C-alpha atoms as a PDB file:
ATOM      1  CA  UNK A   1    -124.704 166.945  80.602  1.00  0.00           C
ATOM      2  CA  UNK A   2    -127.086 170.411  80.744  1.00  0.00           C
ATOM      3  CA  UNK A   3    -123.929 172.241  81.766  1.00  0.00           C
ATOM      4  CA  UNK A   4    -121.254 170.466  79.036  1.00  0.00           C
ATOM      5  CA  UNK A   5    -120.473 172.219  75.437  1.00  0.00           C
ATOM      6  CA  UNK A   6    -120.094 170.069  72.803  1.00  0.00           C
ATOM      7  CA  UNK A   7    -118.323 170.867  69.485  1.00  0.00           C
ATOM      8  CA  UNK A   8    -118.584 169.413  65.919  1.00  0.00           C
ATOM      9  CA  UNK A   9    -115.772 170.049  63.836  1.00  0.00           C
ATOM     10  CA  UNK A  10    -114.342 169.317  60.511  1.00  0.00           C
ATOM     11  CA  UNK A  11    -113.188 170.240  57.863  1.00  0.00           C
ATOM     12  CA  UNK A  12    -115.796 169.523  55.632  1.00  0.00           C
ATOM     13  CA  UNK A  13    -119.217 170.972  56.161  1.00  0.00           C
ATOM     14  CA  UNK A  14    -119.528 168.914  59.326  1.00  0.00           C
ATOM     15  CA  UNK A  15    -122.773 167.033  59.016  1.00  0.00           C
ATOM     16  CA  UNK A  16    -121.964 163.962  59.561  1.00  0.00           C
ATOM     17  CA  UNK A  17    -120.264 164.934  62.705  1.00  0.00           C
ATOM     18  CA  UNK A  18    -122.976 166.644  64.102  1.00  0.00           C
ATOM     19  CA  UNK A  19    -126.182 163.710  62.678  1.00  0.00           C
ATOM     20  CA  UNK A  20    -123.587 160.962  64.322  1.00  0.00           C
ATOM     21  CA  UNK A  21    -122.596 163.118  67.163  1.00  0.00           C
ATOM     22  CA  UNK A  22    -126.192 163.655  68.254  1.00  0.00           C
ATOM     23  CA  UNK A  23    -126.817 159.828  67.485  1.00  0.00           C
ATOM     24  CA  UNK A  24    -124.664 159.556  70.831  1.00  0.00           C
ATOM     25  CA  UNK A  25    -125.619 162.446  72.896  1.00  0.00           C
ATOM     26  CA  UNK A  26    -129.498 161.355  72.437  1.00  0.00           C
ATOM     27  CA  UNK A  27    -128.803 158.030  74.786  1.00  0.00           C
ATOM     28  CA  UNK A  28    -127.947 160.426  77.416  1.00  0.00           C
ATOM     29  CA  UNK A  29    -130.559 162.673  79.695  1.00  0.00           C
ATOM     30  CA  UNK A  30    -129.772 166.574  79.316  1.00  0.00           C
ATOM     31  CA  UNK A  31    -129.496 168.839  76.519  1.00  0.00           C
ATOM     32  CA  UNK A  32    -125.579 170.174  76.225  1.00  0.00           C
ATOM     33  CA  UNK A  33    -125.099 173.420  74.244  1.00  0.00           C
ATOM     34  CA  UNK A  34    -123.918 172.600  71.055  1.00  0.00           C
ATOM     35  CA  UNK A  35    -121.693 174.221  68.632  1.00  0.00           C
ATOM     36  CA  UNK A  36    -120.674 173.409  64.928  1.00  0.00           C
ATOM     37  CA  UNK A  37    -117.251 174.391  63.502  1.00  0.00           C
ATOM     38  CA  UNK A  38    -116.836 173.469  59.503  1.00  0.00           C
ATOM     39  CA  UNK A  39    -114.016 173.977  57.177  1.00  0.00           C
ATOM     40  CA  UNK A  40    -111.409 173.502  59.598  1.00  0.00           C
ATOM     41  CA  UNK A  41    -108.784 172.994  57.026  1.00  0.00           C
ATOM     42  CA  UNK A  42    -105.775 173.744  57.900  1.00  0.00           C
ATOM     43  CA  UNK A  43    -103.574 174.485  61.564  1.00  0.00           C
ATOM     44  CA  UNK A  44    -104.243 178.151  61.904  1.00  0.00           C
ATOM     45  CA  UNK A  45    -108.074 177.771  61.473  1.00  0.00           C
ATOM     46  CA  UNK A  46    -107.965 174.693  63.792  1.00  0.00           C
ATOM     47  CA  UNK A  47    -105.231 176.652  66.211  1.00  0.00           C
ATOM     48  CA  UNK A  48    -108.406 179.257  66.590  1.00  0.00           C
ATOM     49  CA  UNK A  49    -111.078 176.762  67.183  1.00  0.00           C
ATOM     50  CA  UNK A  50    -108.859 174.855  69.481  1.00  0.00           C
ATOM     51  CA  UNK A  51    -108.377 178.092  72.054  1.00  0.00           C
ATOM     52  CA  UNK A  52    -111.799 178.701  71.630  1.00  0.00           C
ATOM     53  CA  UNK A  53    -112.309 175.429  72.820  1.00  0.00           C
ATOM     54  CA  UNK A  54    -109.519 175.245  75.268  1.00  0.00           C
ATOM     55  CA  UNK A  55    -110.952 178.604  77.366  1.00  0.00           C
ATOM     56  CA  UNK A  56    -114.688 177.895  77.109  1.00  0.00           C
ATOM     57  CA  UNK A  57    -113.322 174.545  79.301  1.00  0.00           C
ATOM     58  CA  UNK A  58    -111.339 176.860  81.814  1.00  0.00           C
ATOM     59  CA  UNK A  59    -114.118 179.507  81.645  1.00  0.00           C
ATOM     60  CA  UNK A  60    -116.907 176.579  82.165  1.00  0.00           C
ATOM     61  CA  UNK A  61    -114.696 174.313  84.592  1.00  0.00           C
ATOM     62  CA  UNK A  62    -115.187 171.132  82.549  1.00  0.00           C
ATOM     63  CA  UNK A  63    -113.858 169.707  79.554  1.00  0.00           C
ATOM     64  CA  UNK A  64    -115.950 170.056  76.431  1.00  0.00           C
ATOM     65  CA  UNK A  65    -117.060 167.213  73.856  1.00  0.00           C
ATOM     66  CA  UNK A  66    -115.521 167.453  70.249  1.00  0.00           C
ATOM     67  CA  UNK A  67    -116.670 165.160  67.962  1.00  0.00           C
ATOM     68  CA  UNK A  68    -113.940 165.640  64.786  1.00  0.00           C
ATOM     69  CA  UNK A  69    -114.325 164.242  61.379  1.00  0.00           C
ATOM     70  CA  UNK A  70    -110.924 165.518  60.218  1.00  0.00           C
ATOM     71  CA  UNK A  71    -109.425 163.803  57.139  1.00  0.00           C
ATOM     72  CA  UNK A  72    -105.985 165.636  56.690  1.00  0.00           C
ATOM     73  CA  UNK A  73    -103.948 163.969  59.136  1.00  0.00           C
ATOM     74  CA  UNK A  74    -101.524 166.775  60.314  1.00  0.00           C
ATOM     75  CA  UNK A  75    -104.187 168.947  60.958  1.00  0.00           C
ATOM     76  CA  UNK A  76    -105.842 165.904  62.992  1.00  0.00           C
ATOM     77  CA  UNK A  77    -102.357 165.172  65.365  1.00  0.00           C
ATOM     78  CA  UNK A  78    -101.964 169.443  65.785  1.00  0.00           C
ATOM     79  CA  UNK A  79    -105.823 169.006  67.253  1.00  0.00           C
ATOM     80  CA  UNK A  80    -104.908 166.245  69.227  1.00  0.00           C
ATOM     81  CA  UNK A  81    -101.809 167.417  70.181  1.00  0.00           C
ATOM     82  CA  UNK A  82    -103.735 171.011  71.767  1.00  0.00           C
ATOM     83  CA  UNK A  83    -107.009 170.508  72.287  1.00  0.00           C
ATOM     84  CA  UNK A  84    -107.779 169.942  75.976  1.00  0.00           C
ATOM     85  CA  UNK A  85    -111.228 168.518  75.343  1.00  0.00           C
ATOM     86  CA  UNK A  86    -112.396 165.274  75.069  1.00  0.00           C
ATOM     87  CA  UNK A  87    -111.479 164.988  71.683  1.00  0.00           C
ATOM     88  CA  UNK A  88    -113.390 161.906  69.405  1.00  0.00           C
ATOM     89  CA  UNK A  89    -111.706 161.108  65.970  1.00  0.00           C
ATOM     90  CA  UNK A  90    -114.569 159.852  64.569  1.00  0.00           C
ATOM     91  CA  UNK A  91    -112.928 158.918  61.049  1.00  0.00           C
ATOM     92  CA  UNK A  92    -110.033 157.154  62.006  1.00  0.00           C
ATOM     93  CA  UNK A  93    -112.124 154.933  64.922  1.00  0.00           C
ATOM     94  CA  UNK A  94    -113.647 153.414  61.153  1.00  0.00           C
ATOM     95  CA  UNK A  95    -111.080 153.701  58.775  1.00  0.00           C
ATOM     96  CA  UNK A  96    -108.088 152.201  60.112  1.00  0.00           C
ATOM     97  CA  UNK A  97    -110.151 149.120  60.840  1.00  0.00           C
ATOM     98  CA  UNK A  98    -111.278 149.138  57.143  1.00  0.00           C
ATOM     99  CA  UNK A  99    -107.968 149.943  55.651  1.00  0.00           C
ATOM    100  CA  UNK A 100    -106.889 146.418  57.645  1.00  0.00           C
ATOM    101  CA  UNK A 101    -109.830 144.775  56.358  1.00  0.00           C
ATOM    102  CA  UNK A 102    -110.359 145.890  52.267  1.00  0.00           C
ATOM    103  CA  UNK A 103    -106.554 145.747  52.323  1.00  0.00           C
ATOM    104  CA  UNK A 104    -106.720 149.107  50.655  1.00  0.00           C
ATOM    105  CA  UNK A 105    -105.871 152.454  51.925  1.00  0.00           C
ATOM    106  CA  UNK A 106    -108.564 155.645  52.374  1.00  0.00           C
ATOM    107  CA  UNK A 107    -108.313 158.303  49.918  1.00  0.00           C
ATOM    108  CA  UNK A 108    -108.331 160.524  52.718  1.00  0.00           C
ATOM    109  CA  UNK A 109    -110.381 163.104  50.517  1.00  0.00           C
ATOM    110  CA  UNK A 110    -111.694 166.393  52.295  1.00  0.00           C
ATOM    111  CA  UNK A 111    -115.523 166.067  52.280  1.00  0.00           C
ATOM    112  CA  UNK A 112    -117.943 164.757  50.224  1.00  0.00           C
ATOM    113  CA  UNK A 113    -119.329 167.178  48.317  1.00  0.00           C
ATOM    114  CA  UNK A 114    -116.879 168.212  46.247  1.00  0.00           C
ATOM    115  CA  UNK A 115    -117.712 166.475  42.897  1.00  0.00           C
ATOM    116  CA  UNK A 116    -121.197 165.301  44.548  1.00  0.00           C
ATOM    117  CA  UNK A 117    -122.754 167.610  41.812  1.00  0.00           C
ATOM    118  CA  UNK A 118    -121.911 165.739  38.819  1.00  0.00           C
ATOM    119  CA  UNK A 119    -123.726 162.744  40.106  1.00  0.00           C
ATOM    120  CA  UNK A 120    -126.864 161.469  38.947  1.00  0.00           C
ATOM    121  CA  UNK A 121    -128.279 160.619  42.404  1.00  0.00           C
ATOM    122  CA  UNK A 122    -127.492 164.787  43.299  1.00  0.00           C
ATOM    123  CA  UNK A 123    -129.767 165.788  40.382  1.00  0.00           C
ATOM    124  CA  UNK A 124    -132.212 163.385  41.202  1.00  0.00           C
ATOM    125  CA  UNK A 125    -132.057 164.687  44.741  1.00  0.00           C
ATOM    126  CA  UNK A 126    -132.642 168.357  43.497  1.00  0.00           C
ATOM    127  CA  UNK A 127    -135.733 167.373  40.638  1.00  0.00           C
ATOM    128  CA  UNK A 128    -136.940 165.278  43.938  1.00  0.00           C
ATOM    129  CA  UNK A 129    -136.880 168.768  45.925  1.00  0.00           C
ATOM    130  CA  UNK A 130    -138.353 171.003  43.267  1.00  0.00           C
ATOM    131  CA  UNK A 131    -141.189 168.234  42.664  1.00  0.00           C
ATOM    132  CA  UNK A 132    -142.127 168.182  46.116  1.00  0.00           C
ATOM    133  CA  UNK A 133    -142.199 172.069  46.670  1.00  0.00           C
ATOM    134  CA  UNK A 134    -144.169 172.616  43.785  1.00  0.00           C
ATOM    135  CA  UNK A 135    -146.937 170.034  44.532  1.00  0.00           C
ATOM    136  CA  UNK A 136    -147.258 171.191  48.654  1.00  0.00           C
ATOM    137  CA  UNK A 137    -150.384 171.461  50.017  1.00  0.00           C
ATOM    138  CA  UNK A 138    -152.291 170.107  46.939  1.00  0.00           C
ATOM    139  CA  UNK A 139    -151.691 173.067  45.441  1.00  0.00           C
ATOM    140  CA  UNK A 140    -150.536 171.878  41.741  1.00  0.00           C
ATOM    141  CA  UNK A 141    -152.157 168.579  39.934  1.00  0.00           C
ATOM    142  CA  UNK A 142    -149.824 168.680  37.369  1.00  0.00           C
ATOM    143  CA  UNK A 143    -147.298 165.416  36.767  1.00  0.00           C
ATOM    144  CA  UNK A 144    -148.904 164.518  40.021  1.00  0.00           C
ATOM    145  CA  UNK A 145    -148.509 160.896  38.434  1.00  0.00           C
ATOM    146  CA  UNK A 146    -145.001 161.050  38.718  1.00  0.00           C
ATOM    147  CA  UNK A 147    -144.813 161.325  42.543  1.00  0.00           C
ATOM    148  CA  UNK A 148    -143.483 158.258  44.250  1.00  0.00           C
ATOM    149  CA  UNK A 149    -145.650 158.829  47.121  1.00  0.00           C
ATOM    150  CA  UNK A 150    -148.228 161.515  48.072  1.00  0.00           C
ATOM    151  CA  UNK A 151    -149.517 162.060  51.496  1.00  0.00           C
ATOM    152  CA  UNK A 152    -152.310 162.229  52.835  1.00  0.00           C
ATOM    153  CA  UNK A 153    -153.929 164.063  55.904  1.00  0.00           C
ATOM    154  CA  UNK A 154    -155.560 166.439  57.753  1.00  0.00           C
ATOM    155  CA  UNK A 155    -154.068 170.463  57.853  1.00  0.00           C
ATOM    156  CA  UNK A 156    -150.911 170.036  59.997  1.00  0.00           C
ATOM    157  CA  UNK A 157    -150.154 167.055  60.823  1.00  0.00           C
ATOM    158  CA  UNK A 158    -146.957 167.247  59.481  1.00  0.00           C
ATOM    159  CA  UNK A 159    -146.799 166.392  55.334  1.00  0.00           C
ATOM    160  CA  UNK A 160    -144.721 169.326  53.961  1.00  0.00           C
ATOM    161  CA  UNK A 161    -141.448 168.722  56.269  1.00  0.00           C
ATOM    162  CA  UNK A 162    -141.505 164.733  55.940  1.00  0.00           C
ATOM    163  CA  UNK A 163    -142.169 165.546  52.224  1.00  0.00           C
ATOM    164  CA  UNK A 164    -139.359 167.717  52.050  1.00  0.00           C
ATOM    165  CA  UNK A 165    -137.227 165.631  54.021  1.00  0.00           C
ATOM    166  CA  UNK A 166    -138.003 162.591  51.959  1.00  0.00           C
ATOM    167  CA  UNK A 167    -136.723 164.419  48.873  1.00  0.00           C
ATOM    168  CA  UNK A 168    -133.508 166.368  50.128  1.00  0.00           C
ATOM    169  CA  UNK A 169    -132.597 163.202  51.988  1.00  0.00           C
ATOM    170  CA  UNK A 170    -133.803 160.141  49.575  1.00  0.00           C
ATOM    171  CA  UNK A 171    -134.586 161.482  46.364  1.00  0.00           C
ATOM    172  CA  UNK A 172    -138.310 161.210  47.011  1.00  0.00           C
ATOM    173  CA  UNK A 173    -140.458 162.939  44.866  1.00  0.00           C
ATOM    174  CA  UNK A 174    -142.862 163.569  47.196  1.00  0.00           C
ATOM    175  CA  UNK A 175    -146.522 165.038  47.010  1.00  0.00           C
ATOM    176  CA  UNK A 176    -148.558 166.090  49.727  1.00  0.00           C
ATOM    177  CA  UNK A 177    -152.479 166.634  49.824  1.00  0.00           C
ATOM    178  CA  UNK A 178    -154.516 168.088  52.679  1.00  0.00           C
ATOM    179  CA  UNK A 179    -157.720 165.766  53.639  1.00  0.00           C
ATOM    180  CA  UNK A 180    -160.233 168.609  53.980  1.00  0.00           C
ATOM    181  CA  UNK A 181    -164.075 168.710  55.329  1.00  0.00           C
ATOM    182  CA  UNK A 182    -165.467 168.898  52.483  1.00  0.00           C
ATOM    183  CA  UNK A 183    -163.868 166.238  51.643  1.00  0.00           C
ATOM    184  CA  UNK A 184    -165.486 164.323  54.795  1.00  0.00           C
ATOM    185  CA  UNK A 185    -168.839 165.792  53.786  1.00  0.00           C
ATOM    186  CA  UNK A 186    -168.816 163.752  50.283  1.00  0.00           C
ATOM    187  CA  UNK A 187    -167.274 160.498  52.312  1.00  0.00           C
ATOM    188  CA  UNK A 188    -164.540 159.515  49.180  1.00  0.00           C
ATOM    189  CA  UNK A 189    -160.931 160.621  48.704  1.00  0.00           C
ATOM    190  CA  UNK A 190    -160.811 163.841  46.295  1.00  0.00           C
ATOM    191  CA  UNK A 191    -161.385 163.155  42.831  1.00  0.00           C
ATOM    192  CA  UNK A 192    -157.684 163.300  41.969  1.00  0.00           C
ATOM    193  CA  UNK A 193    -156.076 161.578  44.713  1.00  0.00           C
ATOM    194  CA  UNK A 194    -158.782 158.090  43.638  1.00  0.00           C
ATOM    195  CA  UNK A 195    -156.631 157.206  40.456  1.00  0.00           C
ATOM    196  CA  UNK A 196    -153.166 157.346  42.629  1.00  0.00           C
ATOM    197  CA  UNK A 197    -154.547 155.514  45.810  1.00  0.00           C
ATOM    198  CA  UNK A 198    -151.800 153.158  45.607  1.00  0.00           C
ATOM    199  CA  UNK A 199    -149.401 155.554  45.944  1.00  0.00           C
ATOM    200  CA  UNK A 200    -150.448 157.467  49.120  1.00  0.00           C
ATOM    201  CA  UNK A 201    -149.658 157.032  52.612  1.00  0.00           C
ATOM    202  CA  UNK A 202    -151.316 159.211  55.326  1.00  0.00           C
ATOM    203  CA  UNK A 203    -150.632 160.998  58.098  1.00  0.00           C
ATOM    204  CA  UNK A 204    -152.805 161.631  61.511  1.00  0.00           C
ATOM    205  CA  UNK A 205    -151.880 163.080  64.862  1.00  0.00           C
ATOM    206  CA  UNK A 206    -153.590 163.224  68.502  1.00  0.00           C
ATOM    207  CA  UNK A 207    -156.509 165.788  68.601  1.00  0.00           C
ATOM    208  CA  UNK A 208    -154.815 167.731  71.331  1.00  0.00           C
ATOM    209  CA  UNK A 209    -151.508 168.038  69.328  1.00  0.00           C
ATOM    210  CA  UNK A 210    -152.899 169.203  66.491  1.00  0.00           C
ATOM    211  CA  UNK A 211    -155.231 171.526  68.449  1.00  0.00           C
ATOM    212  CA  UNK A 212    -152.380 173.078  70.004  1.00  0.00           C
ATOM    213  CA  UNK A 213    -150.220 173.400  66.452  1.00  0.00           C
ATOM    214  CA  UNK A 214    -153.239 175.510  64.985  1.00  0.00           C
ATOM    215  CA  UNK A 215    -153.828 177.260  67.787  1.00  0.00           C
ATOM    216  CA  UNK A 216    -150.397 178.690  67.400  1.00  0.00           C
ATOM    217  CA  UNK A 217    -151.023 179.498  63.478  1.00  0.00           C
ATOM    218  CA  UNK A 218    -154.797 180.523  64.346  1.00  0.00           C
ATOM    219  CA  UNK A 219    -155.460 181.229  67.961  1.00  0.00           C
ATOM    220  CA  UNK A 220    -159.046 180.583  68.853  1.00  0.00           C
ATOM    221  CA  UNK A 221    -160.263 179.952  65.601  1.00  0.00           C
ATOM    222  CA  UNK A 222    -163.605 177.162  64.560  1.00  0.00           C
ATOM    223  CA  UNK A 223    -159.987 175.690  62.267  1.00  0.00           C
ATOM    224  CA  UNK A 224    -157.996 174.934  65.874  1.00  0.00           C
ATOM    225  CA  UNK A 225    -161.216 174.199  68.471  1.00  0.00           C
ATOM    226  CA  UNK A 226    -160.159 170.915  69.895  1.00  0.00           C
ATOM    227  CA  UNK A 227    -164.091 170.050  68.939  1.00  0.00           C
ATOM    228  CA  UNK A 228    -163.162 170.375  65.555  1.00  0.00           C
ATOM    229  CA  UNK A 229    -159.887 168.728  65.480  1.00  0.00           C
ATOM    230  CA  UNK A 230    -161.193 165.465  66.805  1.00  0.00           C
ATOM    231  CA  UNK A 231    -164.167 165.711  64.083  1.00  0.00           C
ATOM    232  CA  UNK A 232    -160.992 165.880  61.311  1.00  0.00           C
ATOM    233  CA  UNK A 233    -158.953 163.659  62.402  1.00  0.00           C
ATOM    234  CA  UNK A 234    -161.905 161.005  63.563  1.00  0.00           C
ATOM    235  CA  UNK A 235    -163.576 161.026  59.411  1.00  0.00           C
ATOM    236  CA  UNK A 236    -159.520 161.329  57.918  1.00  0.00           C
ATOM    237  CA  UNK A 237    -158.581 157.877  59.883  1.00  0.00           C
ATOM    238  CA  UNK A 238    -162.270 156.581  58.894  1.00  0.00           C
ATOM    239  CA  UNK A 239    -161.870 157.262  55.139  1.00  0.00           C
ATOM    240  CA  UNK A 240    -158.223 156.056  55.066  1.00  0.00           C
ATOM    241  CA  UNK A 241    -159.065 153.448  56.551  1.00  0.00           C
ATOM    242  CA  UNK A 242    -161.864 152.249  54.052  1.00  0.00           C
ATOM    243  CA  UNK A 243    -159.975 152.610  51.134  1.00  0.00           C
ATOM    244  CA  UNK A 244    -157.014 150.995  52.583  1.00  0.00           C
ATOM    245  CA  UNK A 245    -154.368 153.524  52.905  1.00  0.00           C
ATOM    246  CA  UNK A 246    -151.914 153.113  55.469  1.00  0.00           C
ATOM    247  CA  UNK A 247    -150.813 155.343  57.893  1.00  0.00           C
ATOM    248  CA  UNK A 248    -149.479 156.436  60.816  1.00  0.00           C
ATOM    249  CA  UNK A 249    -149.260 159.113  63.538  1.00  0.00           C
ATOM    250  CA  UNK A 250    -147.002 161.831  63.571  1.00  0.00           C
ATOM    251  CA  UNK A 251    -147.696 162.744  67.244  1.00  0.00           C
ATOM    252  CA  UNK A 252    -144.853 161.213  68.606  1.00  0.00           C
ATOM    253  CA  UNK A 253    -142.551 160.573  65.606  1.00  0.00           C
ATOM    254  CA  UNK A 254    -139.626 162.394  64.545  1.00  0.00           C
ATOM    255  CA  UNK A 255    -139.734 163.100  61.039  1.00  0.00           C
ATOM    256  CA  UNK A 256    -136.691 160.685  60.272  1.00  0.00           C
ATOM    257  CA  UNK A 257    -139.042 158.300  61.724  1.00  0.00           C
ATOM    258  CA  UNK A 258    -141.738 158.773  59.760  1.00  0.00           C
ATOM    259  CA  UNK A 259    -139.762 158.900  56.773  1.00  0.00           C
ATOM    260  CA  UNK A 260    -138.110 155.717  57.120  1.00  0.00           C
ATOM    261  CA  UNK A 261    -141.684 154.110  57.968  1.00  0.00           C
ATOM    262  CA  UNK A 262    -142.703 155.621  54.024  1.00  0.00           C
ATOM    263  CA  UNK A 263    -139.785 154.395  52.464  1.00  0.00           C
ATOM    264  CA  UNK A 264    -139.715 150.478  53.577  1.00  0.00           C
ATOM    265  CA  UNK A 265    -143.411 150.518  52.360  1.00  0.00           C
ATOM    266  CA  UNK A 266    -142.694 152.578  48.988  1.00  0.00           C
ATOM    267  CA  UNK A 267    -139.035 151.057  48.392  1.00  0.00           C
ATOM    268  CA  UNK A 268    -138.398 148.295  50.404  1.00  0.00           C
ATOM    269  CA  UNK A 269    -135.315 147.208  48.742  1.00  0.00           C
ATOM    270  CA  UNK A 270    -134.256 150.829  48.223  1.00  0.00           C
ATOM    271  CA  UNK A 271    -130.537 152.375  49.265  1.00  0.00           C
ATOM    272  CA  UNK A 272    -131.160 156.064  49.107  1.00  0.00           C
ATOM    273  CA  UNK A 273    -127.953 157.014  50.541  1.00  0.00           C
ATOM    274  CA  UNK A 274    -126.019 160.194  49.549  1.00  0.00           C
END
């Protein structure tokens, strides 16, 4: 695995192939070399990628693994006939059984983004991204009542990337607001959050990890010291407990896992799929 090359080849963006492929590869140890090749929608383009894969396989002495999402059957057949890598056809693995189950032929549409800009879901997602950017790190409070969720926690605990992921992937209007030492001295939530406490969700983090992250930003500062990080994390967790705000630790969780937990709590019956 550490020395293997893995390709994600698609006639679209290759996001589907890469996302699904990475999920499968995560079940194995090691870290292979990953290569994305999108928009392979003709035999000429396929031939270039095939040559690249075949030469690399000969050089490395191990055939590359190739996840493909190619809708055009002629391009797919050409690819399978000439590629010397391990070709895993992700679409037809599922499309053919579903065609039989539904008794309907699929439309074999290349990509899924050609008409998405016309959909309401797409516009909602763009609006959510703009909202989350405008309400990052407490920089704006106007229209905060429109937020689906307000992430709270100490600085550098993962609020911003989680907010943007929720907006980009699920169309969730996510604001985030930092808890600072002045809030702990007052012993209560910032006044602008109090009316919206039911929409607040807390993030926390291991103090040692927080100190490490902050030292990358401001090395040697009080802000990044382990003692200060322990103080802020303890106070933030105590405040969230007092206020009845659900929270979780971002220390050992991915953004995807954190977001799934938040979605489960704020929209348990939502199917936020785009």
